[in-house]
Amino acid sequence: MEPTFFHFTIGNLAELVTLIGAIVAAVFSVGRRVAVIEKAADDVRTDLGELRADVRKLGDLLTAIAVQSARLDMVDKRMDDIVSGRIRTNWHEVSK
């Protein structure tokens, strides 16, 4: 009697079909999860780009505020100098 290597029963066939089905289900499940993760990564990239643009705008606004503050400080100093008499003006002559 020769030994047989391929002796299948209905139970063995059912196990094989179940195993293949589980592997296919796992592959599809992982594929869906990868798709969700890729979508989330794209959303993060988009949000990051928008955030960078907002940070640039905020930097521009802060620069403009700093410039205006410096100008106001110069005007305030000049007004103090005029009031204290350190700077003479001829405004009274212009209004005559």
N, C-alpha and C. Protein backbone atom coordinates (compact mmCIF):
# COMPACT_ATOMS: atom_id res chain seq x y z
N MET A 1 0.83 -1.17 0.00
CA MET A 1 0.00 0.00 0.00
C MET A 1 0.89 1.25 0.00
N GLU A 2 0.64 2.15 -0.91
CA GLU A 2 1.41 3.36 -1.02
C GLU A 2 0.83 4.44 -0.11
N PRO A 3 1.70 5.21 0.53
CA PRO A 3 1.17 6.29 1.37
C PRO A 3 0.60 7.41 0.49
N THR A 4 -0.50 8.00 0.95
CA THR A 4 -1.11 9.11 0.23
C THR A 4 -0.87 10.39 1.02
N PHE A 5 -0.47 11.38 0.33
CA PHE A 5 -0.20 12.65 0.98
C PHE A 5 -1.42 13.58 0.94
N PHE A 6 -2.30 13.35 0.02
CA PHE A 6 -3.46 14.22 -0.13
C PHE A 6 -4.71 13.46 0.23
N HIS A 7 -4.93 13.36 1.52
CA HIS A 7 -6.12 12.69 2.01
C HIS A 7 -7.01 13.76 2.62
N PHE A 8 -8.04 14.13 1.86
CA PHE A 8 -8.93 15.19 2.32
C PHE A 8 -10.25 14.61 2.79
N THR A 9 -10.74 15.24 3.85
CA THR A 9 -12.10 14.91 4.31
C THR A 9 -12.93 16.17 4.17
N ILE A 10 -14.21 16.05 4.38
CA ILE A 10 -15.10 17.20 4.33
C ILE A 10 -14.67 18.20 5.40
N GLY A 11 -14.28 17.72 6.57
CA GLY A 11 -13.84 18.60 7.66
C GLY A 11 -12.59 19.38 7.28
N ASN A 12 -11.63 18.68 6.63
CA ASN A 12 -10.42 19.37 6.19
C ASN A 12 -10.74 20.43 5.14
N LEU A 13 -11.63 20.11 4.24
CA LEU A 13 -12.02 21.06 3.21
C LEU A 13 -12.73 22.26 3.82
N ALA A 14 -13.58 22.02 4.82
CA ALA A 14 -14.28 23.12 5.50
C ALA A 14 -13.28 24.01 6.23
N GLU A 15 -12.29 23.42 6.87
CA GLU A 15 -11.26 24.20 7.56
C GLU A 15 -10.48 25.05 6.56
N LEU A 16 -10.14 24.48 5.41
CA LEU A 16 -9.39 25.20 4.40
C LEU A 16 -10.21 26.37 3.85
N VAL A 17 -11.47 26.14 3.56
CA VAL A 17 -12.34 27.20 3.06
C VAL A 17 -12.50 28.29 4.11
N THR A 18 -12.67 27.91 5.38
CA THR A 18 -12.80 28.88 6.46
C THR A 18 -11.53 29.70 6.61
N LEU A 19 -10.39 29.05 6.54
CA LEU A 19 -9.11 29.73 6.66
C LEU A 19 -8.91 30.73 5.51
N ILE A 20 -9.21 30.30 4.30
CA ILE A 20 -9.07 31.19 3.14
C ILE A 20 -10.05 32.35 3.27
N GLY A 21 -11.27 32.09 3.70
CA GLY A 21 -12.25 33.16 3.90
C GLY A 21 -11.80 34.15 4.96
N ALA A 22 -11.22 33.66 6.04
CA ALA A 22 -10.74 34.55 7.10
C ALA A 22 -9.58 35.42 6.59
N ILE A 23 -8.71 34.83 5.81
CA ILE A 23 -7.59 35.59 5.26
C ILE A 23 -8.10 36.67 4.30
N VAL A 24 -9.04 36.32 3.44
CA VAL A 24 -9.60 37.29 2.50
C VAL A 24 -10.31 38.41 3.26
N ALA A 25 -11.08 38.05 4.30
CA ALA A 25 -11.77 39.07 5.10
C ALA A 25 -10.77 39.99 5.79
N ALA A 26 -9.70 39.41 6.31
CA ALA A 26 -8.67 40.21 6.98
C ALA A 26 -8.00 41.17 6.00
N VAL A 27 -7.72 40.70 4.79
CA VAL A 27 -7.09 41.55 3.79
C VAL A 27 -8.00 42.71 3.42
N PHE A 28 -9.30 42.44 3.21
CA PHE A 28 -10.23 43.51 2.89
C PHE A 28 -10.39 44.48 4.06
N SER A 29 -10.41 43.96 5.27
CA SER A 29 -10.54 44.81 6.45
C SER A 29 -9.33 45.73 6.58
N VAL A 30 -8.15 45.18 6.40
CA VAL A 30 -6.93 45.99 6.47
C VAL A 30 -6.92 47.01 5.33
N GLY A 31 -7.37 46.60 4.15
CA GLY A 31 -7.43 47.52 3.02
C GLY A 31 -8.35 48.70 3.30
N ARG A 32 -9.51 48.43 3.90
CA ARG A 32 -10.43 49.52 4.25
C ARG A 32 -9.79 50.43 5.29
N ARG A 33 -9.15 49.85 6.28
CA ARG A 33 -8.52 50.66 7.32
C ARG A 33 -7.39 51.51 6.75
N VAL A 34 -6.63 50.96 5.82
CA VAL A 34 -5.56 51.73 5.19
C VAL A 34 -6.16 52.89 4.40
N ALA A 35 -7.27 52.64 3.72
CA ALA A 35 -7.92 53.71 2.96
C ALA A 35 -8.39 54.82 3.90
N VAL A 36 -8.94 54.45 5.05
CA VAL A 36 -9.39 55.45 6.03
C VAL A 36 -8.19 56.24 6.56
N ILE A 37 -7.11 55.55 6.83
CA ILE A 37 -5.90 56.22 7.34
C ILE A 37 -5.33 57.16 6.28
N GLU A 38 -5.31 56.73 5.02
CA GLU A 38 -4.81 57.60 3.95
C GLU A 38 -5.68 58.83 3.81
N LYS A 39 -7.00 58.68 3.91
CA LYS A 39 -7.91 59.82 3.84
C LYS A 39 -7.64 60.78 4.99
N ALA A 40 -7.46 60.23 6.20
CA ALA A 40 -7.17 61.07 7.35
C ALA A 40 -5.84 61.80 7.17
N ALA A 41 -4.85 61.13 6.61
CA ALA A 41 -3.55 61.77 6.38
C ALA A 41 -3.69 62.90 5.36
N ASP A 42 -4.49 62.69 4.32
CA ASP A 42 -4.72 63.76 3.34
C ASP A 42 -5.42 64.95 4.00
N ASP A 43 -6.40 64.67 4.87
CA ASP A 43 -7.10 65.74 5.58
C ASP A 43 -6.13 66.52 6.47
N VAL A 44 -5.23 65.81 7.13
CA VAL A 44 -4.24 66.47 7.99
C VAL A 44 -3.31 67.34 7.15
N ARG A 45 -2.89 66.84 5.99
CA ARG A 45 -2.03 67.63 5.11
C ARG A 45 -2.74 68.91 4.67
N THR A 46 -4.02 68.78 4.32
CA THR A 46 -4.79 69.95 3.90
C THR A 46 -4.91 70.94 5.05
N ASP A 47 -5.25 70.43 6.24
CA ASP A 47 -5.38 71.31 7.40
C ASP A 47 -4.06 71.98 7.75
N LEU A 48 -2.97 71.24 7.60
CA LEU A 48 -1.66 71.80 7.90
C LEU A 48 -1.31 72.93 6.93
N GLY A 49 -1.64 72.75 5.67
CA GLY A 49 -1.41 73.81 4.68
C GLY A 49 -2.21 75.06 5.00
N GLU A 50 -3.48 74.86 5.40
CA GLU A 50 -4.32 76.00 5.78
C GLU A 50 -3.77 76.67 7.04
N LEU A 51 -3.30 75.88 7.98
CA LEU A 51 -2.74 76.42 9.21
C LEU A 51 -1.48 77.24 8.92
N ARG A 52 -0.64 76.76 8.01
CA ARG A 52 0.56 77.52 7.63
C ARG A 52 0.18 78.87 7.04
N ALA A 53 -0.84 78.86 6.18
CA ALA A 53 -1.29 80.12 5.57
C ALA A 53 -1.82 81.07 6.66
N ASP A 54 -2.56 80.53 7.61
CA ASP A 54 -3.09 81.36 8.70
C ASP A 54 -1.97 81.92 9.57
N VAL A 55 -0.94 81.12 9.81
CA VAL A 55 0.19 81.59 10.63
C VAL A 55 0.94 82.70 9.89
N ARG A 56 1.07 82.57 8.56
CA ARG A 56 1.71 83.64 7.78
C ARG A 56 0.90 84.93 7.89
N LYS A 57 -0.43 84.82 7.77
CA LYS A 57 -1.28 86.01 7.88
C LYS A 57 -1.16 86.62 9.27
N LEU A 58 -1.11 85.78 10.29
CA LEU A 58 -0.96 86.26 11.66
C LEU A 58 0.38 86.98 11.83
N GLY A 59 1.43 86.44 11.24
CA GLY A 59 2.73 87.10 11.29
C GLY A 59 2.70 88.46 10.62
N ASP A 60 2.01 88.52 9.47
CA ASP A 60 1.89 89.81 8.77
C ASP A 60 1.13 90.82 9.63
N LEU A 61 0.06 90.36 10.29
CA LEU A 61 -0.71 91.26 11.15
C LEU A 61 0.12 91.74 12.34
N LEU A 62 0.88 90.83 12.94
CA LEU A 62 1.71 91.23 14.08
C LEU A 62 2.78 92.24 13.65
N THR A 63 3.33 92.06 12.46
CA THR A 63 4.31 93.01 11.95
C THR A 63 3.66 94.38 11.75
N ALA A 64 2.47 94.39 11.15
CA ALA A 64 1.77 95.66 10.92
C ALA A 64 1.44 96.34 12.24
N ILE A 65 1.04 95.57 13.24
CA ILE A 65 0.74 96.14 14.56
C ILE A 65 2.00 96.73 15.19
N ALA A 66 3.11 96.02 15.05
CA ALA A 66 4.37 96.52 15.62
C ALA A 66 4.79 97.82 14.94
N VAL A 67 4.62 97.90 13.62
CA VAL A 67 4.98 99.11 12.90
C VAL A 67 4.09 100.26 13.35
N GLN A 68 2.80 100.02 13.45
CA GLN A 68 1.87 101.07 13.89
C GLN A 68 2.19 101.51 15.32
N SER A 69 2.54 100.55 16.16
CA SER A 69 2.90 100.89 17.54
C SER A 69 4.13 101.79 17.58
N ALA A 70 5.12 101.48 16.74
CA ALA A 70 6.33 102.31 16.69
C ALA A 70 6.00 103.71 16.19
N ARG A 71 5.12 103.79 15.20
CA ARG A 71 4.73 105.11 14.69
C ARG A 71 3.98 105.91 15.75
N LEU A 72 3.08 105.25 16.47
CA LEU A 72 2.35 105.93 17.53
C LEU A 72 3.29 106.40 18.64
N ASP A 73 4.29 105.58 18.95
CA ASP A 73 5.27 105.98 19.96
C ASP A 73 6.04 107.23 19.51
N MET A 74 6.39 107.29 18.20
CA MET A 74 7.09 108.48 17.69
C MET A 74 6.19 109.71 17.75
N VAL A 75 4.93 109.55 17.40
CA VAL A 75 3.99 110.68 17.45
C VAL A 75 3.81 111.13 18.90
N ASP A 76 3.69 110.18 19.81
CA ASP A 76 3.52 110.51 21.22
C ASP A 76 4.74 111.26 21.75
N LYS A 77 5.94 110.81 21.39
CA LYS A 77 7.15 111.50 21.82
C LYS A 77 7.21 112.91 21.25
N ARG A 78 6.85 113.04 19.99
CA ARG A 78 6.88 114.35 19.34
C ARG A 78 5.88 115.29 20.02
N MET A 79 4.70 114.79 20.36
CA MET A 79 3.71 115.60 21.05
C MET A 79 4.22 116.03 22.43
N ASP A 80 4.87 115.10 23.14
CA ASP A 80 5.45 115.46 24.44
C ASP A 80 6.51 116.55 24.27
N ASP A 81 7.34 116.43 23.22
CA ASP A 81 8.37 117.44 22.97
C ASP A 81 7.74 118.80 22.66
N ILE A 82 6.67 118.80 21.89
CA ILE A 82 5.99 120.05 21.54
C ILE A 82 5.38 120.68 22.79
N VAL A 83 4.70 119.87 23.59
CA VAL A 83 4.05 120.39 24.80
C VAL A 83 5.08 120.91 25.78
N SER A 84 6.20 120.24 25.91
CA SER A 84 7.21 120.67 26.88
C SER A 84 8.05 121.84 26.36
N GLY A 85 7.91 122.19 25.11
CA GLY A 85 8.65 123.32 24.56
C GLY A 85 9.99 122.95 23.99
N ARG A 86 10.34 121.72 23.95
CA ARG A 86 11.62 121.32 23.37
C ARG A 86 11.62 121.49 21.85
N ILE A 87 10.44 121.50 21.24
CA ILE A 87 10.32 121.73 19.81
C ILE A 87 9.42 122.94 19.63
N ARG A 88 9.93 123.90 18.88
CA ARG A 88 9.13 125.09 18.61
C ARG A 88 8.39 124.88 17.29
N THR A 89 7.16 125.31 17.28
CA THR A 89 6.38 125.20 16.05
C THR A 89 5.96 126.59 15.62
N ASN A 90 5.55 126.72 14.40
CA ASN A 90 5.07 128.00 13.91
C ASN A 90 3.58 127.89 13.55
N TRP A 91 2.86 127.06 14.26
CA TRP A 91 1.43 126.88 13.98
C TRP A 91 0.66 128.18 14.24
N HIS A 92 1.08 128.92 15.25
CA HIS A 92 0.34 130.16 15.54
C HIS A 92 0.52 131.18 14.41
N GLU A 93 1.65 131.10 13.71
CA GLU A 93 1.87 132.02 12.60
C GLU A 93 1.06 131.60 11.38
N VAL A 94 0.84 130.32 11.20
CA VAL A 94 0.09 129.83 10.04
C VAL A 94 -1.37 130.22 10.17
N SER A 95 -1.90 130.24 11.38
CA SER A 95 -3.32 130.50 11.55
C SER A 95 -3.65 131.99 11.43
N LYS A 96 -2.67 132.89 11.40
CA LYS A 96 -2.92 134.35 11.32
C LYS A 96 -3.28 134.76 9.93
